[in-house]
């Protein structure tokens, strides 16, 4: 990767592979923290698959999503209110 900042203003010298591996780890952590159906969901479930395919060398960076969107649906105990 180039030592120059990219068009979106990322810091120079960033390691794309390391950042994507960290994001995969964070998604795995959130999935384990919120295991019940509907608590944690990716806006596009294929985004994680595409990142893994990129990290495994099966697809090019151009085919990745620009962001990984997700939702947390939290239901506090004793409350009838749901937080998203």
PDB file of N, CA and C in Angstrom:
ATOM      1  N   UNK A   1       0.850  -1.180   0.000  1.00  0.00           N
ATOM      2  CA  UNK A   1       0.000   0.000   0.000  1.00  0.00           C
ATOM      3  C   UNK A   1       0.888   1.234   0.000  1.00  0.00           C
ATOM      4  N   UNK A   2       0.470   2.261  -0.660  1.00  0.00           N
ATOM      5  CA  UNK A   2       1.222   3.494  -0.779  1.00  0.00           C
ATOM      6  C   UNK A   2       1.368   4.189   0.564  1.00  0.00           C
ATOM      7  N   UNK A   3       2.460   4.938   0.716  1.00  0.00           N
ATOM      8  CA  UNK A   3       2.681   5.710   1.933  1.00  0.00           C
ATOM      9  C   UNK A   3       1.888   7.016   1.931  1.00  0.00           C
ATOM     10  N   UNK A   4       1.241   7.337   0.807  1.00  0.00           N
ATOM     11  CA  UNK A   4       0.433   8.553   0.734  1.00  0.00           C
ATOM     12  C   UNK A   4      -0.969   8.268   1.248  1.00  0.00           C
ATOM     13  N   UNK A   5      -1.611   9.310   1.795  1.00  0.00           N
ATOM     14  CA  UNK A   5      -2.994   9.163   2.259  1.00  0.00           C
ATOM     15  C   UNK A   5      -3.900   8.945   1.060  1.00  0.00           C
ATOM     16  N   UNK A   6      -4.930   8.111   1.224  1.00  0.00           N
ATOM     17  CA  UNK A   6      -5.853   7.898   0.121  1.00  0.00           C
ATOM     18  C   UNK A   6      -6.870   9.024   0.049  1.00  0.00           C
ATOM     19  N   UNK A   7      -7.777   8.949  -0.915  1.00  0.00           N
ATOM     20  CA  UNK A   7      -8.731  10.020  -1.167  1.00  0.00           C
ATOM     21  C   UNK A   7      -9.675  10.259   0.008  1.00  0.00           C
ATOM     22  N   UNK A   8      -9.952   9.249   0.820  1.00  0.00           N
ATOM     23  CA  UNK A   8     -10.883   9.401   1.930  1.00  0.00           C
ATOM     24  C   UNK A   8     -10.190   9.900   3.197  1.00  0.00           C
ATOM     25  N   UNK A   9      -8.894  10.178   3.131  1.00  0.00           N
ATOM     26  CA  UNK A   9      -8.214  10.775   4.262  1.00  0.00           C
ATOM     27  C   UNK A   9      -7.678   9.787   5.272  1.00  0.00           C
ATOM     28  N   UNK A  10      -7.530   8.518   4.899  1.00  0.00           N
ATOM     29  CA  UNK A  10      -6.949   7.561   5.822  1.00  0.00           C
ATOM     30  C   UNK A  10      -5.507   7.949   6.101  1.00  0.00           C
ATOM     31  N   UNK A  11      -5.007   7.543   7.263  1.00  0.00           N
ATOM     32  CA  UNK A  11      -3.644   7.892   7.615  1.00  0.00           C
ATOM     33  C   UNK A  11      -2.660   7.170   6.701  1.00  0.00           C
ATOM     34  N   UNK A  12      -1.538   7.790   6.421  1.00  0.00           N
ATOM     35  CA  UNK A  12      -0.553   7.177   5.546  1.00  0.00           C
ATOM     36  C   UNK A  12       0.040   5.931   6.191  1.00  0.00           C
ATOM     37  N   UNK A  13       0.386   4.960   5.344  1.00  0.00           N
ATOM     38  CA  UNK A  13       1.056   3.775   5.829  1.00  0.00           C
ATOM     39  C   UNK A  13       0.153   2.777   6.530  1.00  0.00           C
ATOM     40  N   UNK A  14      -1.156   2.930   6.418  1.00  0.00           N
ATOM     41  CA  UNK A  14      -2.044   2.007   7.117  1.00  0.00           C
ATOM     42  C   UNK A  14      -1.957   0.626   6.470  1.00  0.00           C
ATOM     43  N   UNK A  15      -2.119  -0.393   7.286  1.00  0.00           N
ATOM     44  CA  UNK A  15      -2.064  -1.771   6.819  1.00  0.00           C
ATOM     45  C   UNK A  15      -3.492  -2.263   6.627  1.00  0.00           C
ATOM     46  N   UNK A  16      -3.941  -2.296   5.383  1.00  0.00           N
ATOM     47  CA  UNK A  16      -5.311  -2.650   5.046  1.00  0.00           C
ATOM     48  C   UNK A  16      -5.670  -4.038   5.564  1.00  0.00           C
ATOM     49  N   UNK A  17      -4.797  -5.006   5.378  1.00  0.00           N
ATOM     50  CA  UNK A  17      -5.074  -6.369   5.822  1.00  0.00           C
ATOM     51  C   UNK A  17      -5.272  -6.418   7.329  1.00  0.00           C
ATOM     52  N   UNK A  18      -4.421  -5.752   8.075  1.00  0.00           N
ATOM     53  CA  UNK A  18      -4.541  -5.738   9.535  1.00  0.00           C
ATOM     54  C   UNK A  18      -5.847  -5.084   9.970  1.00  0.00           C
ATOM     55  N   UNK A  19      -6.224  -3.993   9.310  1.00  0.00           N
ATOM     56  CA  UNK A  19      -7.476  -3.316   9.660  1.00  0.00           C
ATOM     57  C   UNK A  19      -8.682  -4.205   9.373  1.00  0.00           C
ATOM     58  N   UNK A  20      -8.679  -4.895   8.245  1.00  0.00           N
ATOM     59  CA  UNK A  20      -9.796  -5.773   7.910  1.00  0.00           C
ATOM     60  C   UNK A  20      -9.860  -6.976   8.846  1.00  0.00           C
ATOM     61  N   UNK A  21      -8.704  -7.521   9.219  1.00  0.00           N
ATOM     62  CA  UNK A  21      -8.685  -8.623  10.181  1.00  0.00           C
ATOM     63  C   UNK A  21      -9.250  -8.172  11.522  1.00  0.00           C
ATOM     64  N   UNK A  22      -8.937  -6.945  11.925  1.00  0.00           N
ATOM     65  CA  UNK A  22      -9.472  -6.391  13.166  1.00  0.00           C
ATOM     66  C   UNK A  22     -10.992  -6.237  13.074  1.00  0.00           C
ATOM     67  N   UNK A  23     -11.491  -5.785  11.945  1.00  0.00           N
ATOM     68  CA  UNK A  23     -12.934  -5.641  11.782  1.00  0.00           C
ATOM     69  C   UNK A  23     -13.642  -6.993  11.838  1.00  0.00           C
ATOM     70  N   UNK A  24     -13.051  -8.015  11.250  1.00  0.00           N
ATOM     71  CA  UNK A  24     -13.625  -9.362  11.329  1.00  0.00           C
ATOM     72  C   UNK A  24     -13.667  -9.811  12.786  1.00  0.00           C
ATOM     73  N   UNK A  25     -12.598  -9.563  13.523  1.00  0.00           N
ATOM     74  CA  UNK A  25     -12.560  -9.924  14.946  1.00  0.00           C
ATOM     75  C   UNK A  25     -13.631  -9.181  15.733  1.00  0.00           C
ATOM     76  N   UNK A  26     -13.829  -7.914  15.422  1.00  0.00           N
ATOM     77  CA  UNK A  26     -14.848  -7.130  16.119  1.00  0.00           C
ATOM     78  C   UNK A  26     -16.248  -7.659  15.824  1.00  0.00           C
ATOM     79  N   UNK A  27     -16.497  -8.052  14.586  1.00  0.00           N
ATOM     80  CA  UNK A  27     -17.807  -8.628  14.238  1.00  0.00           C
ATOM     81  C   UNK A  27     -18.007  -9.944  14.968  1.00  0.00           C
ATOM     82  N   UNK A  28     -16.962 -10.764  15.028  1.00  0.00           N
ATOM     83  CA  UNK A  28     -17.056 -12.034  15.758  1.00  0.00           C
ATOM     84  C   UNK A  28     -17.323 -11.783  17.240  1.00  0.00           C
ATOM     85  N   UNK A  29     -16.683 -10.752  17.817  1.00  0.00           N
ATOM     86  CA  UNK A  29     -16.898 -10.411  19.218  1.00  0.00           C
ATOM     87  C   UNK A  29     -18.344  -9.967  19.449  1.00  0.00           C
ATOM     88  N   UNK A  30     -18.849  -9.098  18.597  1.00  0.00           N
ATOM     89  CA  UNK A  30     -20.229  -8.633  18.735  1.00  0.00           C
ATOM     90  C   UNK A  30     -21.219  -9.783  18.592  1.00  0.00           C
ATOM     91  N   UNK A  31     -20.924 -10.701  17.679  1.00  0.00           N
ATOM     92  CA  UNK A  31     -21.790 -11.868  17.493  1.00  0.00           C
ATOM     93  C   UNK A  31     -21.827 -12.723  18.756  1.00  0.00           C
ATOM     94  N   UNK A  32     -20.688 -12.857  19.434  1.00  0.00           N
ATOM     95  CA  UNK A  32     -20.661 -13.654  20.666  1.00  0.00           C
ATOM     96  C   UNK A  32     -21.276 -12.899  21.843  1.00  0.00           C
ATOM     97  N   UNK A  33     -21.196 -11.574  21.836  1.00  0.00           N
ATOM     98  CA  UNK A  33     -21.788 -10.771  22.918  1.00  0.00           C
ATOM     99  C   UNK A  33     -23.308 -10.709  22.809  1.00  0.00           C
ATOM    100  N   UNK A  34     -23.813 -10.775  21.582  1.00  0.00           N
ATOM    101  CA  UNK A  34     -25.248 -10.674  21.326  1.00  0.00           C
ATOM    102  C   UNK A  34     -25.699 -11.886  20.506  1.00  0.00           C
ATOM    103  N   UNK A  35     -25.732 -13.081  21.142  1.00  0.00           N
ATOM    104  CA  UNK A  35     -25.992 -14.315  20.398  1.00  0.00           C
ATOM    105  C   UNK A  35     -27.452 -14.581  20.045  1.00  0.00           C
ATOM    106  N   UNK A  36     -28.383 -13.925  20.741  1.00  0.00           N
ATOM    107  CA  UNK A  36     -29.796 -14.197  20.486  1.00  0.00           C
ATOM    108  C   UNK A  36     -30.203 -13.685  19.108  1.00  0.00           C
ATOM    109  N   UNK A  37     -31.108 -14.431  18.484  1.00  0.00           N
ATOM    110  CA  UNK A  37     -31.575 -14.065  17.146  1.00  0.00           C
ATOM    111  C   UNK A  37     -32.158 -12.646  17.154  1.00  0.00           C
ATOM    112  N   UNK A  38     -31.694 -11.828  16.240  1.00  0.00           N
ATOM    113  CA  UNK A  38     -32.213 -10.476  16.107  1.00  0.00           C
ATOM    114  C   UNK A  38     -31.495  -9.429  16.937  1.00  0.00           C
ATOM    115  N   UNK A  39     -30.615  -9.827  17.855  1.00  0.00           N
ATOM    116  CA  UNK A  39     -29.895  -8.835  18.661  1.00  0.00           C
ATOM    117  C   UNK A  39     -28.834  -8.101  17.841  1.00  0.00           C
ATOM    118  N   UNK A  40     -28.046  -8.851  17.108  1.00  0.00           N
ATOM    119  CA  UNK A  40     -26.984  -8.276  16.284  1.00  0.00           C
ATOM    120  C   UNK A  40     -27.203  -8.737  14.858  1.00  0.00           C
ATOM    121  N   UNK A  41     -27.209  -7.793  13.924  1.00  0.00           N
ATOM    122  CA  UNK A  41     -27.364  -8.186  12.519  1.00  0.00           C
ATOM    123  C   UNK A  41     -26.561  -7.249  11.631  1.00  0.00           C
ATOM    124  N   UNK A  42     -25.952  -7.839  10.629  1.00  0.00           N
ATOM    125  CA  UNK A  42     -25.235  -7.061   9.629  1.00  0.00           C
ATOM    126  C   UNK A  42     -26.243  -6.537   8.619  1.00  0.00           C
ATOM    127  N   UNK A  43     -26.058  -5.301   8.186  1.00  0.00           N
ATOM    128  CA  UNK A  43     -26.946  -4.741   7.167  1.00  0.00           C
ATOM    129  C   UNK A  43     -26.866  -5.565   5.884  1.00  0.00           C
ATOM    130  N   UNK A  44     -25.662  -6.017   5.549  1.00  0.00           N
ATOM    131  CA  UNK A  44     -25.456  -6.873   4.382  1.00  0.00           C
ATOM    132  C   UNK A  44     -24.576  -8.046   4.808  1.00  0.00           C
ATOM    133  N   UNK A  45     -25.184  -9.205   5.054  1.00  0.00           N
ATOM    134  CA  UNK A  45     -24.407 -10.362   5.520  1.00  0.00           C
ATOM    135  C   UNK A  45     -23.275 -10.780   4.580  1.00  0.00           C
ATOM    136  N   UNK A  46     -23.351 -10.417   3.304  1.00  0.00           N
ATOM    137  CA  UNK A  46     -22.283 -10.799   2.383  1.00  0.00           C
ATOM    138  C   UNK A  46     -21.014  -9.963   2.588  1.00  0.00           C
ATOM    139  N   UNK A  47     -21.120  -8.839   3.294  1.00  0.00           N
ATOM    140  CA  UNK A  47     -19.950  -7.984   3.518  1.00  0.00           C
ATOM    141  C   UNK A  47     -18.848  -8.746   4.246  1.00  0.00           C
ATOM    142  N   UNK A  48     -19.199  -9.489   5.279  1.00  0.00           N
ATOM    143  CA  UNK A  48     -18.214 -10.260   6.036  1.00  0.00           C
ATOM    144  C   UNK A  48     -17.618 -11.364   5.163  1.00  0.00           C
ATOM    145  N   UNK A  49     -18.435 -12.016   4.374  1.00  0.00           N
ATOM    146  CA  UNK A  49     -17.938 -13.064   3.471  1.00  0.00           C
ATOM    147  C   UNK A  49     -16.952 -12.489   2.461  1.00  0.00           C
ATOM    148  N   UNK A  50     -17.250 -11.297   1.962  1.00  0.00           N
ATOM    149  CA  UNK A  50     -16.360 -10.673   0.980  1.00  0.00           C
ATOM    150  C   UNK A  50     -15.030 -10.279   1.610  1.00  0.00           C
ATOM    151  N   UNK A  51     -15.061  -9.784   2.852  1.00  0.00           N
ATOM    152  CA  UNK A  51     -13.811  -9.445   3.533  1.00  0.00           C
ATOM    153  C   UNK A  51     -12.966 -10.695   3.709  1.00  0.00           C
ATOM    154  N   UNK A  52     -13.591 -11.775   4.143  1.00  0.00           N
ATOM    155  CA  UNK A  52     -12.848 -13.033   4.323  1.00  0.00           C
ATOM    156  C   UNK A  52     -12.288 -13.521   2.987  1.00  0.00           C
ATOM    157  N   UNK A  53     -13.059 -13.388   1.911  1.00  0.00           N
ATOM    158  CA  UNK A  53     -12.571 -13.787   0.588  1.00  0.00           C
ATOM    159  C   UNK A  53     -11.377 -12.938   0.173  1.00  0.00           C
ATOM    160  N   UNK A  54     -11.421 -11.646   0.466  1.00  0.00           N
ATOM    161  CA  UNK A  54     -10.289 -10.761   0.166  1.00  0.00           C
ATOM    162  C   UNK A  54      -9.066 -11.173   0.969  1.00  0.00           C
ATOM    163  N   UNK A  55      -9.251 -11.406   2.271  1.00  0.00           N
ATOM    164  CA  UNK A  55      -8.130 -11.787   3.131  1.00  0.00           C
ATOM    165  C   UNK A  55      -7.520 -13.122   2.704  1.00  0.00           C
ATOM    166  N   UNK A  56      -8.342 -14.005   2.141  1.00  0.00           N
ATOM    167  CA  UNK A  56      -7.853 -15.301   1.656  1.00  0.00           C
ATOM    168  C   UNK A  56      -7.276 -15.212   0.248  1.00  0.00           C
ATOM    169  N   UNK A  57      -7.359 -14.012  -0.372  1.00  0.00           N
ATOM    170  CA  UNK A  57      -6.792 -13.807  -1.692  1.00  0.00           C
ATOM    171  C   UNK A  57      -7.683 -14.248  -2.839  1.00  0.00           C
ATOM    172  N   UNK A  58      -8.978 -14.426  -2.584  1.00  0.00           N
ATOM    173  CA  UNK A  58      -9.886 -14.907  -3.622  1.00  0.00           C
ATOM    174  C   UNK A  58     -10.537 -13.790  -4.433  1.00  0.00           C
ATOM    175  N   UNK A  59     -10.653 -12.585  -3.861  1.00  0.00           N
ATOM    176  CA  UNK A  59     -11.227 -11.460  -4.601  1.00  0.00           C
ATOM    177  C   UNK A  59     -10.340 -10.231  -4.428  1.00  0.00           C
ATOM    178  N   UNK A  60     -10.541  -9.255  -5.307  1.00  0.00           N
ATOM    179  CA  UNK A  60      -9.782  -8.005  -5.241  1.00  0.00           C
ATOM    180  C   UNK A  60     -10.451  -7.022  -4.286  1.00  0.00           C
ATOM    181  N   UNK A  61      -9.687  -6.070  -3.825  1.00  0.00           N
ATOM    182  CA  UNK A  61     -10.171  -5.030  -2.913  1.00  0.00           C
ATOM    183  C   UNK A  61     -11.362  -4.280  -3.511  1.00  0.00           C
ATOM    184  N   UNK A  62     -11.375  -4.114  -4.817  1.00  0.00           N
ATOM    185  CA  UNK A  62     -12.439  -3.361  -5.498  1.00  0.00           C
ATOM    186  C   UNK A  62     -13.827  -3.927  -5.251  1.00  0.00           C
ATOM    187  N   UNK A  63     -13.911  -5.201  -4.893  1.00  0.00           N
ATOM    188  CA  UNK A  63     -15.206  -5.846  -4.699  1.00  0.00           C
ATOM    189  C   UNK A  63     -15.717  -5.767  -3.264  1.00  0.00           C
ATOM    190  N   UNK A  64     -14.968  -5.119  -2.392  1.00  0.00           N
ATOM    191  CA  UNK A  64     -15.398  -4.977  -1.000  1.00  0.00           C
ATOM    192  C   UNK A  64     -16.363  -3.811  -0.855  1.00  0.00           C
ATOM    193  N   UNK A  65     -17.219  -3.885   0.160  1.00  0.00           N
ATOM    194  CA  UNK A  65     -18.117  -2.778   0.485  1.00  0.00           C
ATOM    195  C   UNK A  65     -17.307  -1.648   1.109  1.00  0.00           C
ATOM    196  N   UNK A  66     -17.789  -0.449   0.995  1.00  0.00           N
ATOM    197  CA  UNK A  66     -17.099   0.704   1.579  1.00  0.00           C
ATOM    198  C   UNK A  66     -17.232   0.744   3.092  1.00  0.00           C
ATOM    199  N   UNK A  67     -18.262   0.087   3.629  1.00  0.00           N
ATOM    200  CA  UNK A  67     -18.468   0.084   5.069  1.00  0.00           C
ATOM    201  C   UNK A  67     -19.164  -1.204   5.476  1.00  0.00           C
ATOM    202  N   UNK A  68     -19.047  -1.527   6.747  1.00  0.00           N
ATOM    203  CA  UNK A  68     -19.764  -2.674   7.293  1.00  0.00           C
ATOM    204  C   UNK A  68     -20.822  -2.110   8.229  1.00  0.00           C
ATOM    205  N   UNK A  69     -22.052  -2.142   7.782  1.00  0.00           N
ATOM    206  CA  UNK A  69     -23.147  -1.637   8.602  1.00  0.00           C
ATOM    207  C   UNK A  69     -23.742  -2.755   9.440  1.00  0.00           C
ATOM    208  N   UNK A  70     -24.155  -2.394  10.643  1.00  0.00           N
ATOM    209  CA  UNK A  70     -24.800  -3.381  11.494  1.00  0.00           C
ATOM    210  C   UNK A  70     -25.784  -2.709  12.427  1.00  0.00           C
ATOM    211  N   UNK A  71     -26.650  -3.511  13.005  1.00  0.00           N
ATOM    212  CA  UNK A  71     -27.635  -3.020  13.968  1.00  0.00           C
ATOM    213  C   UNK A  71     -27.577  -3.861  15.229  1.00  0.00           C
ATOM    214  N   UNK A  72     -27.743  -3.198  16.354  1.00  0.00           N
ATOM    215  CA  UNK A  72     -27.884  -3.867  17.648  1.00  0.00           C
ATOM    216  C   UNK A  72     -29.282  -3.576  18.151  1.00  0.00           C
ATOM    217  N   UNK A  73     -29.997  -4.608  18.512  1.00  0.00           N
ATOM    218  CA  UNK A  73     -31.335  -4.464  19.076  1.00  0.00           C
ATOM    219  C   UNK A  73     -31.240  -4.906  20.532  1.00  0.00           C
ATOM    220  N   UNK A  74     -31.295  -3.948  21.434  1.00  0.00           N
ATOM    221  CA  UNK A  74     -31.089  -4.220  22.851  1.00  0.00           C
ATOM    222  C   UNK A  74     -32.409  -4.079  23.591  1.00  0.00           C
ATOM    223  N   UNK A  75     -32.720  -5.075  24.397  1.00  0.00           N
ATOM    224  CA  UNK A  75     -33.941  -5.095  25.188  1.00  0.00           C
ATOM    225  C   UNK A  75     -33.542  -5.145  26.670  1.00  0.00           C
ATOM    226  N   UNK A  76     -33.471  -4.000  27.345  1.00  0.00           N
ATOM    227  CA  UNK A  76     -33.079  -3.996  28.755  1.00  0.00           C
ATOM    228  C   UNK A  76     -34.051  -4.830  29.601  1.00  0.00           C
ATOM    229  N   UNK A  77     -33.492  -5.542  30.591  1.00  0.00           N
ATOM    230  CA  UNK A  77     -34.330  -6.367  31.458  1.00  0.00           C
ATOM    231  C   UNK A  77     -35.385  -5.529  32.159  1.00  0.00           C
ATOM    232  N   UNK A  78     -36.601  -6.075  32.239  1.00  0.00           N
ATOM    233  CA  UNK A  78     -37.694  -5.405  32.937  1.00  0.00           C
ATOM    234  C   UNK A  78     -38.280  -4.226  32.191  1.00  0.00           C
ATOM    235  N   UNK A  79     -37.856  -4.025  30.969  1.00  0.00           N
ATOM    236  CA  UNK A  79     -38.336  -2.891  30.187  1.00  0.00           C
ATOM    237  C   UNK A  79     -39.089  -3.395  28.963  1.00  0.00           C
ATOM    238  N   UNK A  80     -40.087  -2.652  28.573  1.00  0.00           N
ATOM    239  CA  UNK A  80     -40.811  -2.989  27.350  1.00  0.00           C
ATOM    240  C   UNK A  80     -40.325  -2.131  26.184  1.00  0.00           C
ATOM    241  N   UNK A  81     -39.238  -1.424  26.425  1.00  0.00           N
ATOM    242  CA  UNK A  81     -38.666  -0.550  25.406  1.00  0.00           C
ATOM    243  C   UNK A  81     -37.523  -1.274  24.721  1.00  0.00           C
ATOM    244  N   UNK A  82     -37.416  -1.080  23.432  1.00  0.00           N
ATOM    245  CA  UNK A  82     -36.339  -1.671  22.657  1.00  0.00           C
ATOM    246  C   UNK A  82     -35.451  -0.553  22.126  1.00  0.00           C
ATOM    247  N   UNK A  83     -34.137  -0.720  22.243  1.00  0.00           N
ATOM    248  CA  UNK A  83     -33.194   0.267  21.743  1.00  0.00           C
ATOM    249  C   UNK A  83     -32.515  -0.285  20.512  1.00  0.00           C
ATOM    250  N   UNK A  84     -32.419   0.539  19.477  1.00  0.00           N
ATOM    251  CA  UNK A  84     -31.756   0.123  18.248  1.00  0.00           C
ATOM    252  C   UNK A  84     -30.587   1.054  18.012  1.00  0.00           C
TER     253      UNK A  84
END
